[in-house]
Amino acid sequence: MNSVGEGCTDLKREYDQCFNRWFAEKFLKGDRSGDPCTEMFKKYQVCVQKAIKDKDIPIDGVEFMGPNKEKPES
């Protein structure tokens, strides 16, 4: 799946590959020591935020999750 911003698609694919590798090879095997993909995610997140702004996509009231953010209470 491509990213919301065309220029972000390569960053998304790189992050997805990193995350999937970490998840399968570390997290699922009990190694919960850090996520090596955090910096890659942050770069992708900045790119997506810029693309959303450039395309005037309304995001008022939308909450985003990411590294070090708690899941909102439901």
PDB file of N, CA and C in Angstrom:
ATOM      1  N   MET A   1       0.846  -1.170   0.000  1.00  0.00           N
ATOM      2  CA  MET A   1       0.000   0.000   0.000  1.00  0.00           C
ATOM      3  C   MET A   1       0.896   1.239   0.000  1.00  0.00           C
ATOM      4  N   ASN A   2       0.546   2.183  -0.834  1.00  0.00           N
ATOM      5  CA  ASN A   2       1.307   3.428  -0.905  1.00  0.00           C
ATOM      6  C   ASN A   2       0.933   4.355   0.244  1.00  0.00           C
ATOM      7  N   SER A   3       1.765   5.329   0.452  1.00  0.00           N
ATOM      8  CA  SER A   3       1.542   6.316   1.492  1.00  0.00           C
ATOM      9  C   SER A   3       0.618   7.420   0.981  1.00  0.00           C
ATOM     10  N   VAL A   4       0.098   8.214   1.890  1.00  0.00           N
ATOM     11  CA  VAL A   4      -0.763   9.342   1.538  1.00  0.00           C
ATOM     12  C   VAL A   4      -0.008  10.362   0.689  1.00  0.00           C
ATOM     13  N   GLY A   5       1.282  10.445   0.882  1.00  0.00           N
ATOM     14  CA  GLY A   5       2.118  11.339   0.088  1.00  0.00           C
ATOM     15  C   GLY A   5       3.026  10.517  -0.808  1.00  0.00           C
ATOM     16  N   GLU A   6       3.014  10.808  -2.098  1.00  0.00           N
ATOM     17  CA  GLU A   6       3.832  10.031  -3.036  1.00  0.00           C
ATOM     18  C   GLU A   6       5.294   9.991  -2.614  1.00  0.00           C
ATOM     19  N   GLY A   7       5.800  11.103  -2.118  1.00  0.00           N
ATOM     20  CA  GLY A   7       7.189  11.173  -1.693  1.00  0.00           C
ATOM     21  C   GLY A   7       7.479  10.394  -0.420  1.00  0.00           C
ATOM     22  N   CYS A   8       6.447   9.903   0.234  1.00  0.00           N
ATOM     23  CA  CYS A   8       6.613   9.175   1.491  1.00  0.00           C
ATOM     24  C   CYS A   8       6.585   7.660   1.307  1.00  0.00           C
ATOM     25  N   THR A   9       6.236   7.198   0.130  1.00  0.00           N
ATOM     26  CA  THR A   9       6.047   5.765  -0.084  1.00  0.00           C
ATOM     27  C   THR A   9       7.314   4.957   0.185  1.00  0.00           C
ATOM     28  N   ASP A  10       8.471   5.431  -0.271  1.00  0.00           N
ATOM     29  CA  ASP A  10       9.713   4.689  -0.008  1.00  0.00           C
ATOM     30  C   ASP A  10      10.015   4.639   1.485  1.00  0.00           C
ATOM     31  N   LEU A  11       9.780   5.750   2.188  1.00  0.00           N
ATOM     32  CA  LEU A  11       9.984   5.762   3.640  1.00  0.00           C
ATOM     33  C   LEU A  11       9.037   4.785   4.323  1.00  0.00           C
ATOM     34  N   LYS A  12       7.805   4.724   3.856  1.00  0.00           N
ATOM     35  CA  LYS A  12       6.820   3.794   4.415  1.00  0.00           C
ATOM     36  C   LYS A  12       7.270   2.356   4.219  1.00  0.00           C
ATOM     37  N   ARG A  13       7.719   2.022   3.034  1.00  0.00           N
ATOM     38  CA  ARG A  13       8.159   0.646   2.751  1.00  0.00           C
ATOM     39  C   ARG A  13       9.366   0.271   3.604  1.00  0.00           C
ATOM     40  N   GLU A  14      10.308   1.190   3.737  1.00  0.00           N
ATOM     41  CA  GLU A  14      11.483   0.930   4.567  1.00  0.00           C
ATOM     42  C   GLU A  14      11.070   0.706   6.020  1.00  0.00           C
ATOM     43  N   TYR A  15      10.179   1.558   6.523  1.00  0.00           N
ATOM     44  CA  TYR A  15       9.716   1.398   7.902  1.00  0.00           C
ATOM     45  C   TYR A  15       8.949   0.092   8.061  1.00  0.00           C
ATOM     46  N   ASP A  16       8.051  -0.213   7.134  1.00  0.00           N
ATOM     47  CA  ASP A  16       7.275  -1.456   7.212  1.00  0.00           C
ATOM     48  C   ASP A  16       8.195  -2.676   7.261  1.00  0.00           C
ATOM     49  N   GLN A  17       9.221  -2.691   6.420  1.00  0.00           N
ATOM     50  CA  GLN A  17      10.162  -3.813   6.411  1.00  0.00           C
ATOM     51  C   GLN A  17      10.907  -3.913   7.733  1.00  0.00           C
ATOM     52  N   CYS A  18      11.366  -2.792   8.241  1.00  0.00           N
ATOM     53  CA  CYS A  18      12.083  -2.759   9.513  1.00  0.00           C
ATOM     54  C   CYS A  18      11.177  -3.256  10.645  1.00  0.00           C
ATOM     55  N   PHE A  19       9.973  -2.726  10.706  1.00  0.00           N
ATOM     56  CA  PHE A  19       9.051  -3.101  11.773  1.00  0.00           C
ATOM     57  C   PHE A  19       8.690  -4.582  11.696  1.00  0.00           C
ATOM     58  N   ASN A  20       8.347  -5.056  10.506  1.00  0.00           N
ATOM     59  CA  ASN A  20       7.954  -6.460  10.359  1.00  0.00           C
ATOM     60  C   ASN A  20       9.087  -7.404  10.742  1.00  0.00           C
ATOM     61  N   ARG A  21      10.316  -7.055  10.366  1.00  0.00           N
ATOM     62  CA  ARG A  21      11.482  -7.871  10.726  1.00  0.00           C
ATOM     63  C   ARG A  21      11.666  -7.871  12.245  1.00  0.00           C
ATOM     64  N   TRP A  22      11.618  -6.684  12.870  1.00  0.00           N
ATOM     65  CA  TRP A  22      11.760  -6.588  14.323  1.00  0.00           C
ATOM     66  C   TRP A  22      10.645  -7.352  15.036  1.00  0.00           C
ATOM     67  N   PHE A  23       9.422  -7.189  14.570  1.00  0.00           N
ATOM     68  CA  PHE A  23       8.273  -7.826  15.205  1.00  0.00           C
ATOM     69  C   PHE A  23       8.402  -9.346  15.165  1.00  0.00           C
ATOM     70  N   ALA A  24       8.745  -9.902  13.986  1.00  0.00           N
ATOM     71  CA  ALA A  24       8.840 -11.353  13.820  1.00  0.00           C
ATOM     72  C   ALA A  24      10.082 -11.936  14.497  1.00  0.00           C
ATOM     73  N   GLU A  25      11.216 -11.247  14.360  1.00  0.00           N
ATOM     74  CA  GLU A  25      12.472 -11.814  14.832  1.00  0.00           C
ATOM     75  C   GLU A  25      12.780 -11.507  16.300  1.00  0.00           C
ATOM     76  N   LYS A  26      12.193 -10.484  16.842  1.00  0.00           N
ATOM     77  CA  LYS A  26      12.493 -10.089  18.227  1.00  0.00           C
ATOM     78  C   LYS A  26      11.256 -10.136  19.120  1.00  0.00           C
ATOM     79  N   PHE A  27      10.287  -9.275  18.827  1.00  0.00           N
ATOM     80  CA  PHE A  27       9.136  -9.090  19.712  1.00  0.00           C
ATOM     81  C   PHE A  27       8.376 -10.391  19.957  1.00  0.00           C
ATOM     82  N   LEU A  28       8.055 -11.124  18.895  1.00  0.00           N
ATOM     83  CA  LEU A  28       7.296 -12.363  19.051  1.00  0.00           C
ATOM     84  C   LEU A  28       8.081 -13.455  19.764  1.00  0.00           C
ATOM     85  N   LYS A  29       9.392 -13.289  19.842  1.00  0.00           N
ATOM     86  CA  LYS A  29      10.234 -14.268  20.535  1.00  0.00           C
ATOM     87  C   LYS A  29      10.567 -13.816  21.949  1.00  0.00           C
ATOM     88  N   GLY A  30       9.891 -12.759  22.411  1.00  0.00           N
ATOM     89  CA  GLY A  30      10.035 -12.316  23.790  1.00  0.00           C
ATOM     90  C   GLY A  30      11.041 -11.215  24.024  1.00  0.00           C
ATOM     91  N   ASP A  31      11.744 -10.780  22.988  1.00  0.00           N
ATOM     92  CA  ASP A  31      12.724  -9.698  23.143  1.00  0.00           C
ATOM     93  C   ASP A  31      11.996  -8.366  23.001  1.00  0.00           C
ATOM     94  N   ARG A  32      11.722  -7.733  24.122  1.00  0.00           N
ATOM     95  CA  ARG A  32      10.974  -6.475  24.122  1.00  0.00           C
ATOM     96  C   ARG A  32      11.913  -5.272  24.256  1.00  0.00           C
ATOM     97  N   SER A  33      13.204  -5.492  24.028  1.00  0.00           N
ATOM     98  CA  SER A  33      14.192  -4.429  24.232  1.00  0.00           C
ATOM     99  C   SER A  33      14.235  -3.475  23.039  1.00  0.00           C
ATOM    100  N   GLY A  34      13.457  -2.446  23.130  1.00  0.00           N
ATOM    101  CA  GLY A  34      13.501  -1.353  22.158  1.00  0.00           C
ATOM    102  C   GLY A  34      13.089  -1.708  20.742  1.00  0.00           C
ATOM    103  N   ASP A  35      12.679  -0.713  20.037  1.00  0.00           N
ATOM    104  CA  ASP A  35      12.282  -0.826  18.638  1.00  0.00           C
ATOM    105  C   ASP A  35      13.335  -0.100  17.810  1.00  0.00           C
ATOM    106  N   PRO A  36      14.107  -0.835  16.992  1.00  0.00           N
ATOM    107  CA  PRO A  36      15.180  -0.196  16.221  1.00  0.00           C
ATOM    108  C   PRO A  36      14.659   0.675  15.076  1.00  0.00           C
ATOM    109  N   CYS A  37      13.359   0.707  14.894  1.00  0.00           N
ATOM    110  CA  CYS A  37      12.768   1.416  13.756  1.00  0.00           C
ATOM    111  C   CYS A  37      12.213   2.786  14.125  1.00  0.00           C
ATOM    112  N   THR A  38      12.397   3.209  15.359  1.00  0.00           N
ATOM    113  CA  THR A  38      11.793   4.455  15.839  1.00  0.00           C
ATOM    114  C   THR A  38      12.216   5.673  15.019  1.00  0.00           C
ATOM    115  N   GLU A  39      13.479   5.813  14.738  1.00  0.00           N
ATOM    116  CA  GLU A  39      13.938   6.977  13.965  1.00  0.00           C
ATOM    117  C   GLU A  39      13.379   6.951  12.544  1.00  0.00           C
ATOM    118  N   MET A  40      13.298   5.770  11.972  1.00  0.00           N
ATOM    119  CA  MET A  40      12.730   5.621  10.629  1.00  0.00           C
ATOM    120  C   MET A  40      11.251   6.017  10.641  1.00  0.00           C
ATOM    121  N   PHE A  41      10.540   5.610  11.707  1.00  0.00           N
ATOM    122  CA  PHE A  41       9.128   5.967  11.837  1.00  0.00           C
ATOM    123  C   PHE A  41       8.964   7.476  11.942  1.00  0.00           C
ATOM    124  N   LYS A  42       9.822   8.111  12.707  1.00  0.00           N
ATOM    125  CA  LYS A  42       9.729   9.564  12.886  1.00  0.00           C
ATOM    126  C   LYS A  42       9.913  10.293  11.555  1.00  0.00           C
ATOM    127  N   LYS A  43      10.858   9.841  10.725  1.00  0.00           N
ATOM    128  CA  LYS A  43      11.058  10.450   9.409  1.00  0.00           C
ATOM    129  C   LYS A  43       9.826  10.262   8.535  1.00  0.00           C
ATOM    130  N   TYR A  44       9.264   9.075   8.566  1.00  0.00           N
ATOM    131  CA  TYR A  44       8.052   8.800   7.795  1.00  0.00           C
ATOM    132  C   TYR A  44       6.889   9.656   8.302  1.00  0.00           C
ATOM    133  N   GLN A  45       6.758   9.776   9.617  1.00  0.00           N
ATOM    134  CA  GLN A  45       5.680  10.555  10.215  1.00  0.00           C
ATOM    135  C   GLN A  45       5.752  12.018   9.789  1.00  0.00           C
ATOM    136  N   VAL A  46       6.953  12.599   9.791  1.00  0.00           N
ATOM    137  CA  VAL A  46       7.139  13.992   9.368  1.00  0.00           C
ATOM    138  C   VAL A  46       6.713  14.140   7.903  1.00  0.00           C
ATOM    139  N   CYS A  47       7.107  13.191   7.073  1.00  0.00           N
ATOM    140  CA  CYS A  47       6.752  13.230   5.652  1.00  0.00           C
ATOM    141  C   CYS A  47       5.231  13.186   5.472  1.00  0.00           C
ATOM    142  N   VAL A  48       4.572  12.288   6.209  1.00  0.00           N
ATOM    143  CA  VAL A  48       3.112  12.157   6.106  1.00  0.00           C
ATOM    144  C   VAL A  48       2.419  13.423   6.601  1.00  0.00           C
ATOM    145  N   GLN A  49       2.890  13.984   7.696  1.00  0.00           N
ATOM    146  CA  GLN A  49       2.285  15.209   8.214  1.00  0.00           C
ATOM    147  C   GLN A  49       2.389  16.342   7.203  1.00  0.00           C
ATOM    148  N   LYS A  50       3.522  16.434   6.521  1.00  0.00           N
ATOM    149  CA  LYS A  50       3.690  17.461   5.487  1.00  0.00           C
ATOM    150  C   LYS A  50       2.749  17.193   4.317  1.00  0.00           C
ATOM    151  N   ALA A  51       2.623  15.937   3.907  1.00  0.00           N
ATOM    152  CA  ALA A  51       1.735  15.585   2.790  1.00  0.00           C
ATOM    153  C   ALA A  51       0.276  15.904   3.131  1.00  0.00           C
ATOM    154  N   ILE A  52      -0.118  15.624   4.355  1.00  0.00           N
ATOM    155  CA  ILE A  52      -1.487  15.919   4.801  1.00  0.00           C
ATOM    156  C   ILE A  52      -1.730  17.421   4.751  1.00  0.00           C
ATOM    157  N   LYS A  53      -0.765  18.183   5.215  1.00  0.00           N
ATOM    158  CA  LYS A  53      -0.896  19.645   5.201  1.00  0.00           C
ATOM    159  C   LYS A  53      -0.935  20.168   3.768  1.00  0.00           C
ATOM    160  N   ASP A  54      -0.029  19.666   2.913  1.00  0.00           N
ATOM    161  CA  ASP A  54       0.030  20.111   1.517  1.00  0.00           C
ATOM    162  C   ASP A  54      -1.257  19.800   0.752  1.00  0.00           C
ATOM    163  N   LYS A  55      -1.914  18.694   1.118  1.00  0.00           N
ATOM    164  CA  LYS A  55      -3.143  18.289   0.419  1.00  0.00           C
ATOM    165  C   LYS A  55      -4.401  18.834   1.100  1.00  0.00           C
ATOM    166  N   ASP A  56      -4.206  19.611   2.160  1.00  0.00           N
ATOM    167  CA  ASP A  56      -5.335  20.179   2.915  1.00  0.00           C
ATOM    168  C   ASP A  56      -6.323  19.110   3.364  1.00  0.00           C
ATOM    169  N   ILE A  57      -5.803  17.999   3.852  1.00  0.00           N
ATOM    170  CA  ILE A  57      -6.656  16.928   4.377  1.00  0.00           C
ATOM    171  C   ILE A  57      -7.031  17.297   5.812  1.00  0.00           C
ATOM    172  N   PRO A  58      -8.328  17.403   6.105  1.00  0.00           N
ATOM    173  CA  PRO A  58      -8.742  17.791   7.460  1.00  0.00           C
ATOM    174  C   PRO A  58      -8.475  16.657   8.454  1.00  0.00           C
ATOM    175  N   ILE A  59      -7.782  16.996   9.528  1.00  0.00           N
ATOM    176  CA  ILE A  59      -7.488  15.988  10.555  1.00  0.00           C
ATOM    177  C   ILE A  59      -7.893  16.453  11.952  1.00  0.00           C
ATOM    178  N   ASP A  60      -8.701  17.488  12.018  1.00  0.00           N
ATOM    179  CA  ASP A  60      -9.139  17.998  13.319  1.00  0.00           C
ATOM    180  C   ASP A  60      -9.829  16.893  14.111  1.00  0.00           C
ATOM    181  N   GLY A  61      -9.402  16.720  15.342  1.00  0.00           N
ATOM    182  CA  GLY A  61     -10.005  15.739  16.231  1.00  0.00           C
ATOM    183  C   GLY A  61      -9.444  14.334  16.081  1.00  0.00           C
ATOM    184  N   VAL A  62      -8.517  14.121  15.155  1.00  0.00           N
ATOM    185  CA  VAL A  62      -7.919  12.805  14.964  1.00  0.00           C
ATOM    186  C   VAL A  62      -6.699  12.684  15.866  1.00  0.00           C
ATOM    187  N   GLU A  63      -6.619  11.576  16.612  1.00  0.00           N
ATOM    188  CA  GLU A  63      -5.471  11.339  17.468  1.00  0.00           C
ATOM    189  C   GLU A  63      -4.569  10.311  16.808  1.00  0.00           C
ATOM    190  N   PHE A  64      -3.270  10.560  16.859  1.00  0.00           N
ATOM    191  CA  PHE A  64      -2.310   9.674  16.232  1.00  0.00           C
ATOM    192  C   PHE A  64      -1.500   8.955  17.288  1.00  0.00           C
ATOM    193  N   MET A  65      -1.214   7.682  17.001  1.00  0.00           N
ATOM    194  CA  MET A  65      -0.351   6.916  17.885  1.00  0.00           C
ATOM    195  C   MET A  65       1.028   6.837  17.252  1.00  0.00           C
ATOM    196  N   GLY A  66       1.989   6.579  18.050  1.00  0.00           N
ATOM    197  CA  GLY A  66       3.348   6.417  17.573  1.00  0.00           C
ATOM    198  C   GLY A  66       4.211   5.951  18.725  1.00  0.00           C
ATOM    199  N   PRO A  67       5.510   5.884  18.511  1.00  0.00           N
ATOM    200  CA  PRO A  67       6.388   5.449  19.592  1.00  0.00           C
ATOM    201  C   PRO A  67       6.206   6.310  20.832  1.00  0.00           C
ATOM    202  N   ASN A  68       6.179   5.670  21.964  1.00  0.00           N
ATOM    203  CA  ASN A  68       6.103   6.328  23.270  1.00  0.00           C
ATOM    204  C   ASN A  68       4.787   7.054  23.510  1.00  0.00           C
ATOM    205  N   LYS A  69       3.748   6.674  22.806  1.00  0.00           N
ATOM    206  CA  LYS A  69       2.433   7.250  23.069  1.00  0.00           C
ATOM    207  C   LYS A  69       1.521   6.160  23.603  1.00  0.00           C
ATOM    208  N   GLU A  70       0.773   6.514  24.607  1.00  0.00           N
ATOM    209  CA  GLU A  70      -0.166   5.565  25.204  1.00  0.00           C
ATOM    210  C   GLU A  70      -1.381   5.402  24.321  1.00  0.00           C
ATOM    211  N   LYS A  71      -1.939   4.207  24.308  1.00  0.00           N
ATOM    212  CA  LYS A  71      -3.178   3.974  23.590  1.00  0.00           C
ATOM    213  C   LYS A  71      -4.290   4.681  24.348  1.00  0.00           C
ATOM    214  N   PRO A  72      -5.141   5.455  23.634  1.00  0.00           N
ATOM    215  CA  PRO A  72      -6.201   6.187  24.328  1.00  0.00           C
ATOM    216  C   PRO A  72      -7.192   5.242  24.983  1.00  0.00           C
ATOM    217  N   GLU A  73      -7.707   5.655  26.135  1.00  0.00           N
ATOM    218  CA  GLU A  73      -8.716   4.867  26.830  1.00  0.00           C
ATOM    219  C   GLU A  73     -10.019   4.896  26.049  1.00  0.00           C
ATOM    220  N   SER A  74     -10.688   3.765  25.959  1.00  0.00           N
ATOM    221  CA  SER A  74     -11.966   3.708  25.219  1.00  0.00           C
ATOM    222  C   SER A  74     -13.123   3.647  26.171  1.00  0.00           C
TER     223      SER A  74
END
